[in-house]
N, C-alpha and C. Protein backbone atom coordinates (compact mmCIF):
# COMPACT_ATOMS: atom_id res chain seq x y z
N UNK A 1 16.36 1.99 8.50
CA UNK A 1 15.95 0.63 8.56
C UNK A 1 14.70 0.41 7.74
N UNK A 2 14.57 -0.74 7.15
CA UNK A 2 13.42 -1.07 6.29
C UNK A 2 12.69 -2.26 6.81
N UNK A 3 11.39 -2.18 6.76
CA UNK A 3 10.60 -3.43 6.89
C UNK A 3 10.34 -3.82 5.43
N UNK A 4 11.12 -4.78 5.03
CA UNK A 4 11.07 -5.13 3.57
C UNK A 4 9.64 -5.59 3.18
N UNK A 5 9.15 -4.95 2.12
CA UNK A 5 7.86 -5.30 1.58
C UNK A 5 8.15 -6.25 0.39
N UNK A 6 7.80 -7.52 0.54
CA UNK A 6 8.14 -8.49 -0.55
C UNK A 6 7.31 -8.26 -1.75
N UNK A 7 7.85 -7.68 -2.77
CA UNK A 7 7.13 -7.41 -3.97
C UNK A 7 7.53 -8.30 -5.13
N UNK A 8 6.61 -8.85 -5.75
CA UNK A 8 6.84 -9.69 -6.98
C UNK A 8 5.82 -9.27 -7.95
N UNK A 9 5.94 -9.59 -9.22
CA UNK A 9 4.92 -9.20 -10.15
C UNK A 9 3.49 -9.68 -9.80
N UNK A 10 3.41 -10.91 -9.24
CA UNK A 10 2.05 -11.36 -8.85
C UNK A 10 1.56 -10.59 -7.66
N UNK A 11 2.36 -10.17 -6.68
CA UNK A 11 1.91 -9.45 -5.55
C UNK A 11 1.44 -8.08 -5.98
N UNK A 12 2.25 -7.42 -6.93
CA UNK A 12 1.82 -6.12 -7.46
C UNK A 12 0.53 -6.19 -8.23
N UNK A 13 0.41 -7.24 -9.00
CA UNK A 13 -0.86 -7.37 -9.78
C UNK A 13 -2.09 -7.55 -8.85
N UNK A 14 -1.89 -8.38 -7.83
CA UNK A 14 -2.99 -8.53 -6.86
C UNK A 14 -3.27 -7.28 -6.13
N UNK A 15 -2.24 -6.50 -5.68
CA UNK A 15 -2.45 -5.23 -5.02
C UNK A 15 -3.25 -4.29 -5.93
N UNK A 16 -2.94 -4.24 -7.18
CA UNK A 16 -3.67 -3.27 -8.09
C UNK A 16 -5.11 -3.67 -8.34
N UNK A 17 -5.45 -4.92 -8.09
CA UNK A 17 -6.93 -5.27 -8.22
C UNK A 17 -7.77 -4.60 -7.15
N UNK A 18 -7.11 -4.09 -6.12
CA UNK A 18 -7.86 -3.43 -5.03
C UNK A 18 -7.79 -1.92 -5.13
N UNK A 19 -7.30 -1.40 -6.30
CA UNK A 19 -7.12 0.04 -6.48
C UNK A 19 -8.08 0.54 -7.59
N UNK A 20 -8.84 1.47 -7.20
CA UNK A 20 -9.76 2.14 -8.14
C UNK A 20 -9.25 3.54 -8.40
N UNK A 21 -8.70 3.76 -9.62
CA UNK A 21 -8.11 5.03 -9.93
C UNK A 21 -9.17 6.08 -10.37
N UNK A 22 -9.10 7.26 -9.72
CA UNK A 22 -9.91 8.39 -10.13
C UNK A 22 -9.02 9.43 -10.76
N UNK A 23 -9.56 10.56 -11.09
CA UNK A 23 -8.69 11.63 -11.64
C UNK A 23 -7.65 12.14 -10.66
N UNK A 24 -7.91 11.97 -9.40
CA UNK A 24 -6.94 12.47 -8.43
C UNK A 24 -6.45 11.33 -7.48
N UNK A 25 -7.32 10.71 -6.78
CA UNK A 25 -6.97 9.70 -5.85
C UNK A 25 -7.03 8.29 -6.41
N UNK A 26 -6.29 7.38 -5.79
CA UNK A 26 -6.33 5.95 -6.05
C UNK A 26 -6.96 5.35 -4.82
N UNK A 27 -8.22 4.97 -4.97
CA UNK A 27 -8.99 4.54 -3.81
C UNK A 27 -8.75 3.05 -3.51
N UNK A 28 -8.36 2.70 -2.28
CA UNK A 28 -8.15 1.36 -1.88
C UNK A 28 -9.53 0.72 -1.56
N UNK A 29 -9.82 -0.37 -2.26
CA UNK A 29 -11.16 -0.99 -2.11
C UNK A 29 -11.03 -2.27 -1.30
N UNK A 30 -9.85 -2.62 -0.90
CA UNK A 30 -9.63 -3.80 -0.04
C UNK A 30 -9.89 -3.54 1.43
N UNK A 31 -9.38 -4.40 2.29
CA UNK A 31 -9.61 -4.26 3.69
C UNK A 31 -9.02 -2.96 4.28
N UNK A 32 -9.60 -2.52 5.36
CA UNK A 32 -9.03 -1.31 6.02
C UNK A 32 -8.88 -1.55 7.52
N UNK A 33 -7.97 -0.82 8.09
CA UNK A 33 -7.70 -0.90 9.52
C UNK A 33 -8.85 -0.21 10.31
N UNK A 34 -8.76 -0.31 11.61
CA UNK A 34 -9.78 0.43 12.47
C UNK A 34 -9.70 1.95 12.25
N UNK A 35 -8.45 2.41 11.87
CA UNK A 35 -8.28 3.84 11.66
C UNK A 35 -8.65 4.29 10.25
N UNK A 36 -9.12 3.34 9.38
CA UNK A 36 -9.57 3.70 8.09
C UNK A 36 -8.57 3.60 6.98
N UNK A 37 -7.34 3.21 7.35
CA UNK A 37 -6.26 3.04 6.29
C UNK A 37 -6.29 1.71 5.66
N UNK A 38 -6.00 1.64 4.40
CA UNK A 38 -5.95 0.36 3.73
C UNK A 38 -4.95 -0.57 4.24
N UNK A 39 -5.30 -1.87 4.26
CA UNK A 39 -4.31 -2.90 4.73
C UNK A 39 -4.24 -3.98 3.67
N UNK A 40 -3.02 -4.54 3.50
CA UNK A 40 -2.76 -5.48 2.40
C UNK A 40 -1.98 -6.64 3.01
N UNK A 41 -2.43 -7.88 2.75
CA UNK A 41 -1.75 -9.03 3.28
C UNK A 41 -0.94 -9.69 2.24
N UNK A 42 0.29 -10.08 2.64
CA UNK A 42 1.18 -10.83 1.71
C UNK A 42 1.62 -12.10 2.44
N UNK A 43 1.49 -13.22 1.74
CA UNK A 43 1.90 -14.51 2.36
C UNK A 43 3.11 -15.00 1.59
N UNK A 44 4.21 -15.23 2.32
CA UNK A 44 5.46 -15.76 1.77
C UNK A 44 5.84 -17.00 2.57
N UNK A 45 6.03 -18.16 1.92
CA UNK A 45 6.35 -19.32 2.64
C UNK A 45 5.43 -19.71 3.76
N UNK A 46 4.18 -19.48 3.64
CA UNK A 46 3.20 -19.78 4.69
C UNK A 46 3.13 -18.76 5.77
N UNK A 47 3.85 -17.64 5.74
CA UNK A 47 3.73 -16.63 6.77
C UNK A 47 3.09 -15.39 6.11
N UNK A 48 2.04 -15.00 6.78
CA UNK A 48 1.29 -13.84 6.30
C UNK A 48 1.70 -12.58 7.11
N UNK A 49 1.99 -11.55 6.38
CA UNK A 49 2.34 -10.22 6.97
C UNK A 49 1.32 -9.22 6.44
N UNK A 50 0.99 -8.26 7.29
CA UNK A 50 0.02 -7.21 6.89
C UNK A 50 0.82 -5.89 6.80
N UNK A 51 0.58 -5.18 5.69
CA UNK A 51 1.22 -3.91 5.44
C UNK A 51 0.16 -2.87 5.19
N UNK A 52 0.51 -1.62 5.50
CA UNK A 52 -0.41 -0.52 5.18
C UNK A 52 -0.37 -0.33 3.71
N UNK A 53 -1.58 -0.28 3.06
CA UNK A 53 -1.67 -0.23 1.58
C UNK A 53 -0.94 0.97 1.01
N UNK A 54 -1.01 2.13 1.66
CA UNK A 54 -0.37 3.35 1.03
C UNK A 54 1.16 3.17 1.10
N UNK A 55 1.77 2.40 2.04
CA UNK A 55 3.21 2.18 2.11
C UNK A 55 3.59 1.17 1.06
N UNK A 56 2.73 0.17 0.75
CA UNK A 56 3.02 -0.78 -0.33
C UNK A 56 2.99 -0.01 -1.66
N UNK A 57 2.05 0.90 -1.85
CA UNK A 57 2.10 1.76 -3.08
C UNK A 57 3.40 2.53 -3.26
N UNK A 58 3.90 3.05 -2.17
CA UNK A 58 5.15 3.84 -2.27
C UNK A 58 6.29 2.79 -2.61
N UNK A 59 6.26 1.65 -2.03
CA UNK A 59 7.32 0.66 -2.35
C UNK A 59 7.25 0.22 -3.79
N UNK A 60 6.04 0.06 -4.30
CA UNK A 60 5.90 -0.27 -5.74
C UNK A 60 6.40 0.82 -6.68
N UNK A 61 6.09 2.08 -6.29
CA UNK A 61 6.55 3.21 -7.07
C UNK A 61 7.99 3.50 -7.02
N UNK A 62 8.60 3.28 -5.83
CA UNK A 62 9.98 3.71 -5.59
C UNK A 62 10.98 2.59 -5.27
N UNK A 63 10.47 1.35 -5.22
CA UNK A 63 11.38 0.20 -4.92
C UNK A 63 11.54 -0.07 -3.47
N UNK A 64 11.24 0.83 -2.59
CA UNK A 64 11.35 0.60 -1.18
C UNK A 64 10.51 1.67 -0.45
N UNK A 65 10.27 1.40 0.83
CA UNK A 65 9.59 2.34 1.68
C UNK A 65 10.15 2.26 3.08
N UNK A 66 11.14 3.12 3.39
CA UNK A 66 11.81 3.12 4.69
C UNK A 66 10.81 3.26 5.86
N UNK A 67 11.01 2.53 6.94
CA UNK A 67 10.19 2.65 8.11
C UNK A 67 10.19 4.12 8.59
N UNK A 68 11.30 4.78 8.46
CA UNK A 68 11.40 6.18 8.99
C UNK A 68 10.69 7.20 8.07
N UNK A 69 10.27 6.78 6.92
CA UNK A 69 9.63 7.66 5.97
C UNK A 69 8.20 7.91 6.41
N UNK A 70 7.78 9.15 6.55
CA UNK A 70 6.43 9.46 6.85
C UNK A 70 5.67 9.55 5.55
N UNK A 71 4.76 8.67 5.34
CA UNK A 71 3.92 8.69 4.13
C UNK A 71 2.65 9.31 4.46
N UNK A 72 2.50 10.55 4.09
CA UNK A 72 1.38 11.34 4.41
C UNK A 72 0.37 11.43 3.23
N UNK A 73 -0.83 11.49 3.50
CA UNK A 73 -1.89 11.65 2.49
C UNK A 73 -2.15 13.11 2.29
N UNK A 74 -1.53 13.70 1.25
CA UNK A 74 -1.75 15.13 1.06
C UNK A 74 -3.22 15.43 0.67
N UNK A 75 -3.93 14.45 0.17
CA UNK A 75 -5.35 14.60 -0.08
C UNK A 75 -6.18 14.45 1.12
N UNK A 76 -5.58 13.99 2.20
CA UNK A 76 -6.28 13.78 3.47
C UNK A 76 -7.35 12.71 3.45
N UNK A 77 -7.21 11.76 2.50
CA UNK A 77 -8.11 10.59 2.45
C UNK A 77 -7.37 9.34 2.77
N UNK A 78 -7.61 8.67 3.96
CA UNK A 78 -6.85 7.59 4.43
C UNK A 78 -6.88 6.35 3.41
N UNK A 79 -7.90 6.23 2.61
CA UNK A 79 -7.93 5.13 1.66
C UNK A 79 -7.20 5.37 0.36
N UNK A 80 -6.67 6.56 0.24
CA UNK A 80 -5.91 6.87 -1.04
C UNK A 80 -4.58 6.22 -0.98
N UNK A 81 -4.16 5.54 -2.08
CA UNK A 81 -2.90 4.92 -2.22
C UNK A 81 -2.08 5.45 -3.35
N UNK A 82 -2.46 6.65 -3.88
CA UNK A 82 -1.71 7.23 -4.91
C UNK A 82 -0.35 7.71 -4.40
N UNK A 83 0.75 7.18 -4.91
CA UNK A 83 2.04 7.46 -4.38
C UNK A 83 2.43 8.93 -4.59
N UNK A 84 1.75 9.64 -5.47
CA UNK A 84 2.03 11.03 -5.71
C UNK A 84 1.36 11.93 -4.62
N UNK A 85 0.49 11.30 -3.81
CA UNK A 85 -0.14 12.05 -2.72
C UNK A 85 0.63 11.93 -1.44
């Protein structure tokens, strides 16, 4: 089952404005949850949904991000959104 992340070129471009790429990690510079993970808001037809930024990064890189997929930060940095991590 998927929680569809609505991606469009404008949403992807806005997402990337919050990403600071380093040699290893892609640091999320936008809002964060209480647990320190990046959060990203997408508004479609007046309805705003919040998604974990690292899951959005996986969806951008792979076209989808299943709810059942465990997206782990191999670098152990919660703000990292590098889909290779």
